[in-house]
N, C-alpha and C. Protein backbone atom coordinates (compact mmCIF):
# COMPACT_ATOMS: atom_id res chain seq x y z
N MET A 1 26.69 5.80 -5.65
CA MET A 1 25.97 6.49 -4.54
C MET A 1 24.66 7.44 -4.92
N MET A 2 24.91 7.88 -6.15
CA MET A 2 23.89 8.55 -6.86
C MET A 2 22.68 7.73 -7.14
N LEU A 3 23.08 6.60 -7.75
CA LEU A 3 22.21 5.54 -8.43
C LEU A 3 21.21 5.23 -7.15
N ARG A 4 21.71 4.96 -5.98
CA ARG A 4 21.08 4.54 -4.92
C ARG A 4 20.10 5.35 -4.40
N HIS A 5 20.56 6.58 -4.31
CA HIS A 5 19.65 7.85 -4.07
C HIS A 5 18.37 7.70 -4.98
N PHE A 6 18.57 7.73 -6.12
CA PHE A 6 17.61 7.55 -7.39
C PHE A 6 16.79 6.55 -6.94
N PHE A 7 17.17 5.43 -6.72
CA PHE A 7 16.41 4.09 -6.45
C PHE A 7 15.51 4.32 -5.40
N LEU A 8 16.09 4.73 -4.10
CA LEU A 8 15.17 5.02 -2.93
C LEU A 8 14.29 6.14 -3.15
N TYR A 9 14.51 7.16 -4.07
CA TYR A 9 13.44 7.94 -4.33
C TYR A 9 12.45 7.60 -5.11
N CYS A 10 12.81 6.80 -6.20
CA CYS A 10 11.77 5.75 -6.83
C CYS A 10 10.79 4.98 -5.84
N LEU A 11 11.41 4.50 -5.24
CA LEU A 11 10.66 3.39 -4.30
C LEU A 11 9.69 4.36 -3.26
N ILE A 12 10.18 5.45 -3.01
CA ILE A 12 9.35 6.30 -2.08
C ILE A 12 7.91 6.63 -2.97
N ALA A 13 8.52 7.00 -4.02
CA ALA A 13 7.31 7.66 -4.93
C ALA A 13 6.20 6.54 -5.19
N LEU A 14 6.75 5.43 -5.03
CA LEU A 14 5.87 4.11 -5.14
C LEU A 14 4.53 3.97 -4.17
N PHE A 15 4.89 4.34 -2.99
CA PHE A 15 3.92 4.32 -2.00
C PHE A 15 2.83 5.00 -1.45
N VAL A 16 1.53 4.46 -1.12
CA VAL A 16 0.61 5.08 -0.71
C VAL A 16 0.90 5.95 0.69
N THR A 17 0.63 7.29 0.47
CA THR A 17 0.82 8.20 1.41
C THR A 17 -0.07 9.09 1.54
N PRO A 18 -0.69 9.71 2.69
CA PRO A 18 -1.77 10.79 2.53
C PRO A 18 -1.39 12.11 1.71
N ALA A 19 0.10 12.13 1.76
CA ALA A 19 0.54 13.57 0.81
C ALA A 19 0.06 12.97 -0.80
N TRP A 20 0.33 11.61 -1.06
CA TRP A 20 0.17 11.26 -2.48
C TRP A 20 -1.36 10.95 -2.78
N ALA A 21 -2.21 10.64 -1.77
CA ALA A 21 -3.28 10.18 -2.03
C ALA A 21 -4.35 11.08 -2.34
N GLU A 22 -5.51 10.97 -3.05
CA GLU A 22 -6.48 12.07 -3.20
C GLU A 22 -6.99 12.70 -1.99
N LYS A 23 -6.67 14.19 -1.69
CA LYS A 23 -6.93 14.36 -0.53
C LYS A 23 -8.25 14.40 0.12
N ALA A 24 -9.26 14.60 -0.82
CA ALA A 24 -10.70 14.48 -0.61
C ALA A 24 -10.95 13.21 0.13
N ASP A 25 -10.48 12.04 -0.18
CA ASP A 25 -10.69 10.75 0.36
C ASP A 25 -10.84 10.64 1.86
N LYS A 26 -10.03 11.38 2.69
CA LYS A 26 -10.14 11.27 4.02
C LYS A 26 -11.54 11.93 4.67
N ASP A 27 -11.98 12.70 3.87
CA ASP A 27 -13.52 13.35 4.28
C ASP A 27 -14.40 12.57 3.68
N LYS A 28 -14.22 11.73 3.12
CA LYS A 28 -15.61 10.74 2.70
C LYS A 28 -15.84 9.44 3.72
N PRO A 29 -17.03 9.15 3.66
CA PRO A 29 -17.33 8.18 4.53
C PRO A 29 -16.56 6.66 4.24
N ILE A 30 -16.29 5.78 5.28
CA ILE A 30 -15.98 4.81 5.07
C ILE A 30 -16.82 3.67 4.93
N GLU A 31 -16.89 3.11 3.69
CA GLU A 31 -18.03 2.02 3.76
C GLU A 31 -17.26 0.61 3.68
N ILE A 32 -17.64 -0.65 4.63
CA ILE A 32 -17.13 -1.93 4.45
C ILE A 32 -18.09 -2.74 4.46
N GLU A 33 -18.04 -3.57 3.48
CA GLU A 33 -18.90 -4.79 3.21
C GLU A 33 -18.29 -6.13 3.66
N ALA A 34 -18.75 -7.10 4.21
CA ALA A 34 -18.23 -8.44 4.58
C ALA A 34 -19.16 -9.23 4.77
N ASP A 35 -19.04 -10.60 4.97
CA ASP A 35 -20.12 -11.67 5.15
C ASP A 35 -20.35 -11.48 6.63
N THR A 36 -19.41 -11.35 7.17
CA THR A 36 -19.86 -11.35 8.84
C THR A 36 -18.81 -10.19 9.53
N VAL A 37 -19.32 -9.57 10.66
CA VAL A 37 -18.39 -8.66 11.43
C VAL A 37 -18.64 -9.06 12.84
N THR A 38 -17.70 -8.90 13.57
CA THR A 38 -17.54 -9.05 15.14
C THR A 38 -17.07 -7.75 15.53
N VAL A 39 -17.72 -7.01 16.43
CA VAL A 39 -17.28 -5.89 17.31
C VAL A 39 -16.91 -6.03 18.64
N ASN A 40 -15.84 -5.79 19.08
CA ASN A 40 -15.61 -5.75 20.80
C ASN A 40 -15.44 -4.45 20.99
N ASP A 41 -16.37 -3.70 21.79
CA ASP A 41 -16.19 -2.38 22.14
C ASP A 41 -15.31 -2.31 23.43
N ALA A 42 -15.28 -3.21 23.94
CA ALA A 42 -14.42 -3.19 25.21
C ALA A 42 -12.96 -3.00 24.97
N LYS A 43 -12.66 -3.82 23.60
CA LYS A 43 -11.01 -3.89 23.42
C LYS A 43 -11.01 -2.80 22.04
N LYS A 44 -12.07 -2.31 21.79
CA LYS A 44 -12.02 -1.47 20.38
C LYS A 44 -11.36 -2.10 19.21
N ILE A 45 -12.06 -3.25 18.93
CA ILE A 45 -11.37 -4.17 17.76
C ILE A 45 -12.78 -4.45 16.99
N SER A 46 -12.92 -4.50 15.56
CA SER A 46 -13.94 -5.07 14.63
C SER A 46 -12.99 -6.15 13.84
N VAL A 47 -13.52 -6.98 13.74
CA VAL A 47 -12.91 -8.04 12.68
C VAL A 47 -14.18 -8.14 11.97
N TYR A 48 -13.76 -8.04 10.37
CA TYR A 48 -14.53 -8.31 9.33
C TYR A 48 -14.15 -9.60 8.58
N THR A 49 -15.11 -10.41 8.06
CA THR A 49 -14.52 -11.65 7.34
C THR A 49 -15.31 -11.95 6.35
N GLY A 50 -14.75 -12.61 5.36
CA GLY A 50 -15.56 -13.11 4.21
C GLY A 50 -15.71 -11.85 2.90
N ASN A 51 -14.96 -12.15 1.93
CA ASN A 51 -14.92 -11.07 0.97
C ASN A 51 -15.16 -9.53 1.21
N VAL A 52 -14.31 -9.23 2.33
CA VAL A 52 -14.43 -7.93 2.85
C VAL A 52 -14.00 -6.93 1.47
N ILE A 53 -14.72 -5.80 1.43
CA ILE A 53 -14.48 -4.69 0.59
C ILE A 53 -14.60 -3.39 1.21
N VAL A 54 -13.58 -2.40 1.17
CA VAL A 54 -13.55 -1.19 1.92
C VAL A 54 -13.47 -0.28 0.86
N THR A 55 -14.18 0.96 1.13
CA THR A 55 -14.03 1.92 -0.08
C THR A 55 -14.41 3.28 0.98
N GLN A 56 -13.43 4.24 0.53
CA GLN A 56 -13.44 5.47 1.07
C GLN A 56 -13.04 6.50 -0.03
N GLY A 57 -13.99 7.10 -0.76
CA GLY A 57 -13.33 7.84 -2.09
C GLY A 57 -12.97 7.13 -3.17
N THR A 58 -11.74 7.46 -3.25
CA THR A 58 -10.91 6.62 -4.56
C THR A 58 -10.31 5.46 -3.75
N LEU A 59 -10.23 5.13 -2.79
CA LEU A 59 -9.52 4.00 -2.05
C LEU A 59 -10.43 2.98 -2.16
N LEU A 60 -9.78 1.59 -2.24
CA LEU A 60 -10.56 0.37 -2.55
C LEU A 60 -9.67 -0.55 -2.07
N ILE A 61 -10.06 -1.30 -1.12
CA ILE A 61 -9.56 -2.42 -0.42
C ILE A 61 -10.36 -3.53 -0.41
N LYS A 62 -9.54 -4.77 -0.83
CA LYS A 62 -10.27 -5.95 -0.81
C LYS A 62 -9.54 -7.23 -0.08
N ALA A 63 -9.97 -7.82 0.80
CA ALA A 63 -9.35 -8.94 1.55
C ALA A 63 -10.46 -9.92 2.05
N ASP A 64 -9.70 -10.88 2.44
CA ASP A 64 -10.49 -12.06 3.04
C ASP A 64 -10.80 -11.69 4.55
N LYS A 65 -10.15 -10.91 5.15
CA LYS A 65 -10.31 -10.63 6.53
C LYS A 65 -9.58 -9.06 6.82
N LEU A 66 -10.51 -8.59 7.81
CA LEU A 66 -9.84 -7.16 7.97
C LEU A 66 -9.95 -7.17 9.43
N VAL A 67 -9.10 -6.55 10.00
CA VAL A 67 -9.08 -6.32 11.79
C VAL A 67 -8.85 -4.90 11.89
N VAL A 68 -9.48 -4.15 12.30
CA VAL A 68 -9.31 -2.75 12.79
C VAL A 68 -9.27 -2.54 14.25
N ARG A 69 -8.50 -1.83 14.55
CA ARG A 69 -8.25 -1.60 16.01
C ARG A 69 -8.15 -0.12 16.30
N GLU A 70 -8.55 0.49 17.58
CA GLU A 70 -8.14 1.80 17.79
C GLU A 70 -7.56 1.72 19.14
N ASP A 71 -6.53 2.48 19.03
CA ASP A 71 -5.44 2.44 20.37
C ASP A 71 -6.12 3.63 21.44
N GLU A 72 -5.44 3.74 22.46
CA GLU A 72 -5.84 4.66 23.65
C GLU A 72 -5.99 6.00 23.23
N SER A 73 -5.08 6.32 22.12
CA SER A 73 -5.11 7.96 21.88
C SER A 73 -6.36 7.92 20.64
N GLY A 74 -6.74 7.07 20.20
CA GLY A 74 -7.81 7.18 19.09
C GLY A 74 -7.40 7.03 17.74
N PHE A 75 -6.15 6.51 17.51
CA PHE A 75 -5.52 6.28 16.26
C PHE A 75 -5.89 4.87 15.74
N GLN A 76 -6.12 4.79 14.42
CA GLN A 76 -6.58 3.47 13.95
C GLN A 76 -5.37 2.62 13.37
N HIS A 77 -5.70 1.52 13.56
CA HIS A 77 -4.53 0.43 13.03
C HIS A 77 -5.36 -0.92 12.19
N SER A 78 -5.06 -1.09 11.36
CA SER A 78 -5.61 -2.15 10.41
C SER A 78 -4.85 -3.23 10.05
N SER A 79 -5.16 -4.32 9.80
CA SER A 79 -4.63 -5.50 9.40
C SER A 79 -5.54 -6.37 8.29
N SER A 80 -5.27 -6.41 7.05
CA SER A 80 -6.15 -6.93 5.78
C SER A 80 -5.27 -8.14 5.55
N TYR A 81 -5.89 -9.26 5.35
CA TYR A 81 -5.38 -10.57 5.19
C TYR A 81 -6.11 -11.22 3.82
N GLY A 82 -5.29 -11.92 2.94
CA GLY A 82 -6.06 -12.35 1.73
C GLY A 82 -5.24 -12.96 0.87
N ASN A 83 -5.52 -13.64 -0.02
CA ASN A 83 -4.83 -14.50 -1.00
C ASN A 83 -4.86 -14.24 -2.58
N PRO A 84 -4.71 -12.63 -2.67
CA PRO A 84 -4.05 -11.84 -1.88
C PRO A 84 -5.21 -10.78 -1.32
N THR A 85 -4.55 -9.75 -0.48
CA THR A 85 -5.51 -8.58 -0.14
C THR A 85 -4.79 -7.65 -0.91
N THR A 86 -5.65 -6.64 -1.64
CA THR A 86 -5.12 -5.72 -2.58
C THR A 86 -5.54 -4.24 -1.99
N PHE A 87 -5.02 -3.28 -2.53
CA PHE A 87 -5.72 -1.84 -2.38
C PHE A 87 -5.17 -1.16 -3.90
N LYS A 88 -6.06 -0.01 -4.10
CA LYS A 88 -5.77 1.02 -5.28
C LYS A 88 -6.49 2.32 -4.73
N GLN A 89 -5.82 3.38 -5.05
CA GLN A 89 -6.16 4.69 -4.78
C GLN A 89 -5.64 5.63 -5.85
N LYS A 90 -6.51 6.65 -6.09
CA LYS A 90 -6.14 7.65 -6.96
C LYS A 90 -5.12 8.75 -6.46
N ARG A 91 -4.12 8.98 -7.36
CA ARG A 91 -3.21 9.98 -6.50
C ARG A 91 -3.68 11.25 -6.71
N GLU A 92 -3.36 12.04 -5.64
CA GLU A 92 -3.71 13.66 -5.62
C GLU A 92 -2.98 14.38 -7.01
N GLY A 93 -4.16 15.08 -7.67
CA GLY A 93 -3.94 15.90 -8.78
C GLY A 93 -3.44 15.05 -10.02
N LYS A 94 -3.26 13.79 -10.09
CA LYS A 94 -2.97 13.07 -11.16
C LYS A 94 -4.16 12.15 -11.58
N ASP A 95 -4.02 11.83 -12.79
CA ASP A 95 -5.05 10.91 -13.45
C ASP A 95 -4.50 9.45 -13.50
N GLU A 96 -3.65 9.10 -12.29
CA GLU A 96 -3.13 7.85 -12.10
C GLU A 96 -3.48 7.17 -10.75
N TYR A 97 -3.17 5.95 -10.58
CA TYR A 97 -3.55 5.16 -9.32
C TYR A 97 -2.24 4.49 -8.74
N MET A 98 -2.43 4.40 -7.57
CA MET A 98 -1.36 3.56 -6.84
C MET A 98 -2.16 2.46 -6.59
N GLU A 99 -1.42 1.02 -6.37
CA GLU A 99 -2.06 -0.09 -6.25
C GLU A 99 -1.10 -1.07 -5.77
N GLY A 100 -1.51 -1.78 -5.17
CA GLY A 100 -0.60 -3.02 -4.47
C GLY A 100 -1.29 -4.18 -4.22
N SER A 101 -0.40 -5.30 -3.77
CA SER A 101 -1.15 -6.54 -3.06
C SER A 101 -0.04 -7.19 -2.28
N ALA A 102 -0.54 -8.06 -1.45
CA ALA A 102 0.53 -8.72 -0.44
C ALA A 102 -0.71 -9.79 0.38
N GLN A 103 -0.07 -10.74 0.87
CA GLN A 103 -0.82 -11.64 1.79
C GLN A 103 -1.39 -10.99 2.82
N ARG A 104 -0.60 -9.89 3.46
CA ARG A 104 -1.09 -9.30 4.46
C ARG A 104 -0.51 -7.69 4.54
N ILE A 105 -1.39 -7.07 4.68
CA ILE A 105 -1.06 -5.53 4.73
C ILE A 105 -1.51 -4.97 6.07
N GLU A 106 -0.39 -4.16 6.94
CA GLU A 106 -0.66 -3.47 7.85
C GLU A 106 -0.62 -2.03 7.83
N TYR A 107 -1.28 -1.55 8.44
CA TYR A 107 -1.47 -0.02 8.60
C TYR A 107 -1.53 0.45 9.93
N ASP A 108 -0.43 1.31 10.35
CA ASP A 108 -0.39 2.00 11.64
C ASP A 108 -0.52 3.67 11.44
N GLY A 109 -1.90 3.86 12.17
CA GLY A 109 -2.27 5.33 12.00
C GLY A 109 -1.43 6.15 12.85
N ARG A 110 -1.01 5.90 13.70
CA ARG A 110 -0.20 6.77 14.76
C ARG A 110 1.24 6.94 14.12
N MET A 111 1.67 6.02 13.72
CA MET A 111 2.98 6.05 12.85
C MET A 111 2.97 6.51 11.31
N ASP A 112 1.92 6.44 10.96
CA ASP A 112 1.45 6.65 9.51
C ASP A 112 2.42 5.80 8.65
N LYS A 113 2.42 4.39 9.04
CA LYS A 113 3.41 3.57 8.40
C LYS A 113 2.51 2.29 7.56
N VAL A 114 2.82 1.67 6.54
CA VAL A 114 2.32 0.87 5.97
C VAL A 114 3.34 -0.31 5.63
N GLN A 115 2.99 -1.41 5.91
CA GLN A 115 3.66 -2.61 5.65
C GLN A 115 2.95 -3.66 4.88
N LEU A 116 3.60 -4.22 3.86
CA LEU A 116 3.09 -5.50 3.07
C LEU A 116 4.07 -6.53 3.20
N TYR A 117 3.54 -7.78 3.63
CA TYR A 117 4.01 -9.07 3.71
C TYR A 117 3.90 -9.85 2.90
N SER A 118 4.75 -10.80 2.37
CA SER A 118 4.66 -11.90 1.48
C SER A 118 4.15 -11.56 0.16
N LYS A 119 4.81 -11.94 -0.86
CA LYS A 119 4.39 -11.70 -2.21
C LYS A 119 3.87 -10.40 -2.44
N ALA A 120 4.56 -9.23 -1.95
CA ALA A 120 4.19 -8.11 -2.10
C ALA A 120 4.57 -7.26 -3.16
N TRP A 121 3.83 -6.35 -3.82
CA TRP A 121 4.09 -5.49 -4.97
C TRP A 121 3.29 -4.08 -4.59
N VAL A 122 3.89 -3.11 -5.30
CA VAL A 122 3.25 -1.94 -5.33
C VAL A 122 3.52 -1.19 -6.57
N LYS A 123 2.62 -0.48 -7.38
CA LYS A 123 2.73 0.16 -8.60
C LYS A 123 2.21 1.44 -8.54
N ARG A 124 2.73 2.22 -9.17
CA ARG A 124 2.40 3.57 -9.79
C ARG A 124 2.39 3.92 -11.17
N ALA A 125 1.40 4.07 -11.91
CA ALA A 125 1.37 4.21 -13.45
C ALA A 125 2.19 2.99 -13.88
N ASN A 126 3.38 3.10 -14.36
CA ASN A 126 4.10 1.95 -14.92
C ASN A 126 5.29 1.66 -14.22
N ASP A 127 5.56 1.85 -13.17
CA ASP A 127 6.59 1.70 -12.25
C ASP A 127 6.12 0.63 -11.11
N ILE A 128 7.02 -0.22 -11.00
CA ILE A 128 6.29 -1.24 -10.11
C ILE A 128 7.64 -1.76 -9.18
N VAL A 129 7.47 -2.38 -7.90
CA VAL A 129 8.53 -2.70 -7.21
C VAL A 129 7.79 -4.10 -6.42
N HIS A 130 8.65 -5.27 -6.50
CA HIS A 130 8.12 -6.45 -5.89
C HIS A 130 9.16 -6.74 -4.82
N GLY A 131 8.64 -7.48 -3.77
CA GLY A 131 9.44 -7.95 -2.80
C GLY A 131 8.54 -8.73 -1.77
N ASP A 132 9.27 -9.49 -1.15
CA ASP A 132 8.85 -10.25 -0.08
C ASP A 132 7.98 -9.37 1.21
N TYR A 133 8.75 -8.22 1.42
CA TYR A 133 8.19 -7.30 2.30
C TYR A 133 8.36 -5.94 1.92
N ILE A 134 7.46 -4.93 1.99
CA ILE A 134 7.68 -3.70 1.57
C ILE A 134 7.14 -2.76 2.65
N MET A 135 7.82 -1.68 3.13
CA MET A 135 7.43 -0.82 3.96
C MET A 135 7.59 0.65 3.64
N TYR A 136 6.58 1.47 4.08
CA TYR A 136 6.91 2.82 3.99
C TYR A 136 6.35 3.57 5.15
N ASP A 137 7.14 4.36 5.75
CA ASP A 137 7.12 5.27 6.87
C ASP A 137 6.81 6.55 6.32
N ALA A 138 5.62 7.06 6.04
CA ALA A 138 5.55 8.44 5.64
C ALA A 138 6.05 9.45 6.70
N ASN A 139 5.99 9.43 8.05
CA ASN A 139 6.77 10.46 8.78
C ASN A 139 8.03 10.55 8.67
N ALA A 140 8.74 9.37 8.52
CA ALA A 140 10.47 9.51 8.35
C ALA A 140 10.56 9.75 6.72
N GLU A 141 9.62 9.51 5.94
CA GLU A 141 9.84 9.29 4.46
C GLU A 141 11.04 8.51 4.18
N TYR A 142 10.77 7.40 4.85
CA TYR A 142 11.69 6.13 4.52
C TYR A 142 10.82 4.86 4.11
N SER A 143 11.67 4.28 3.25
CA SER A 143 10.99 2.96 2.62
C SER A 143 12.02 1.90 2.49
N GLU A 144 11.41 0.64 2.61
CA GLU A 144 12.64 -0.46 2.87
C GLU A 144 11.71 -1.32 1.76
N VAL A 145 12.45 -2.37 1.11
CA VAL A 145 11.90 -3.45 0.31
C VAL A 145 13.04 -4.76 0.59
N ILE A 146 12.39 -5.84 0.82
CA ILE A 146 13.41 -6.85 1.05
C ILE A 146 12.97 -8.26 0.51
N GLY A 147 13.69 -8.90 -0.51
CA GLY A 147 13.28 -10.07 -1.09
C GLY A 147 13.47 -11.08 0.06
N GLY A 148 12.68 -12.40 -0.18
CA GLY A 148 13.01 -13.43 0.64
C GLY A 148 13.52 -14.62 0.08
N GLY A 149 14.23 -14.64 -0.98
CA GLY A 149 14.96 -15.59 -1.41
C GLY A 149 14.07 -16.62 -2.29
N SER A 150 14.34 -17.70 -2.54
CA SER A 150 13.77 -18.73 -3.35
C SER A 150 12.26 -19.17 -2.47
N LYS A 151 12.20 -19.07 -1.27
CA LYS A 151 11.15 -19.45 -0.68
C LYS A 151 9.79 -18.57 -0.95
N SER A 152 10.23 -17.20 -1.27
CA SER A 152 9.00 -16.39 -1.67
C SER A 152 9.14 -15.96 -3.17
N ALA A 153 9.59 -16.91 -3.91
CA ALA A 153 9.53 -16.69 -5.36
C ALA A 153 8.17 -16.67 -5.97
N THR A 154 7.90 -15.71 -6.87
CA THR A 154 6.60 -15.81 -7.74
C THR A 154 7.15 -15.60 -9.03
N PRO A 155 5.94 -15.84 -10.06
CA PRO A 155 6.25 -15.61 -11.52
C PRO A 155 6.80 -14.34 -11.79
N ALA A 156 6.51 -13.14 -11.05
CA ALA A 156 7.11 -11.79 -11.40
C ALA A 156 8.72 -11.92 -10.86
N THR A 157 8.82 -12.65 -9.63
CA THR A 157 10.17 -12.79 -9.04
C THR A 157 10.64 -14.00 -8.93
N PRO A 158 11.08 -14.71 -9.91
CA PRO A 158 11.44 -16.11 -9.70
C PRO A 158 12.54 -16.62 -8.80
N THR A 159 13.31 -15.82 -8.67
CA THR A 159 14.62 -15.87 -7.54
C THR A 159 14.37 -15.27 -6.20
N GLY A 160 12.95 -14.47 -5.87
CA GLY A 160 12.68 -14.15 -4.81
C GLY A 160 13.37 -12.98 -4.23
N ARG A 161 14.10 -12.61 -5.42
CA ARG A 161 14.92 -11.31 -4.91
C ARG A 161 13.85 -9.94 -5.21
N VAL A 162 14.33 -8.63 -4.63
CA VAL A 162 13.58 -7.45 -4.84
C VAL A 162 13.84 -7.36 -6.39
N LYS A 163 12.68 -6.70 -7.02
CA LYS A 163 12.64 -6.43 -8.29
C LYS A 163 12.09 -5.06 -8.50
N ALA A 164 12.36 -3.96 -8.98
CA ALA A 164 11.83 -2.66 -9.47
C ALA A 164 11.83 -2.54 -10.97
N ILE A 165 10.99 -2.07 -11.46
CA ILE A 165 10.92 -1.47 -12.88
C ILE A 165 10.54 -0.28 -13.06
N ILE A 166 11.31 0.65 -13.45
CA ILE A 166 11.20 2.23 -13.28
C ILE A 166 11.31 2.56 -14.73
N GLN A 167 10.25 3.24 -15.27
CA GLN A 167 10.27 3.58 -16.57
C GLN A 167 10.77 4.76 -16.67
N PRO A 168 11.36 5.02 -17.74
CA PRO A 168 12.21 6.27 -18.16
C PRO A 168 11.05 7.84 -17.80
N LYS A 169 11.49 8.83 -17.43
CA LYS A 169 10.61 9.83 -17.46
C LYS A 169 10.47 10.80 -18.51
N SER A 170 9.50 11.32 -19.00
CA SER A 170 9.19 11.97 -20.17
C SER A 170 9.98 13.42 -20.00
N LYS A 171 10.59 13.72 -21.08
CA LYS A 171 11.28 15.21 -21.06
C LYS A 171 10.18 15.99 -21.51
N PRO A 172 10.45 17.25 -20.93
CA PRO A 172 9.23 18.54 -21.45
C PRO A 172 9.58 18.83 -22.78
N ALA A 173 8.59 19.01 -23.71
CA ALA A 173 8.73 19.39 -25.15
C ALA A 173 9.75 20.50 -25.26
N GLN A 174 10.64 20.53 -26.14
CA GLN A 174 11.43 21.86 -26.28
C GLN A 174 10.85 22.72 -27.40
N ASP A 175 11.22 23.99 -27.10
CA ASP A 175 10.78 25.01 -28.17
C ASP A 175 11.79 25.15 -29.39
N ASN A 176 11.32 24.63 -30.60
CA ASN A 176 12.19 24.83 -31.55
C ASN A 176 12.37 25.87 -32.45
N GLN A 177 12.28 27.35 -31.82
CA GLN A 177 12.28 28.69 -32.48
C GLN A 177 13.58 29.00 -32.50
């Protein structure tokens, strides 16, 4: 039981959340580059395609396609697609980055939930988790990683099972007086 709680804690620590991300990023402008963009103001949907690059402070997202929607309450929702789509962001107060990759990444601004689909991985410093599906719900402080069996095998996970590599934590230096 204790090992399970430790494992869940480590998985939670691997996910991008506003509490872990560089706080100043949210106040920075969002810059999106793409080959084309289609905007439907009536439906509040923008579709960016072709070598999409999104930057906001230390956040960097790369995708083949990005769909951004705004719901009736003004919350932003996005779906990025790629082979793969990737993200990288500096952690608040640390000289380290969170990064990850999947075939599709969904972000729900209302629920503050991130979902990575197909050949997914998330890395923080030297800790990494692989799965066919990775989800983090920041509001509930809940995470889930699911393997997809042999159909989702990758070189890092040849069996398609969930795989986590968690480095030992450094112990503080002891005073030898």
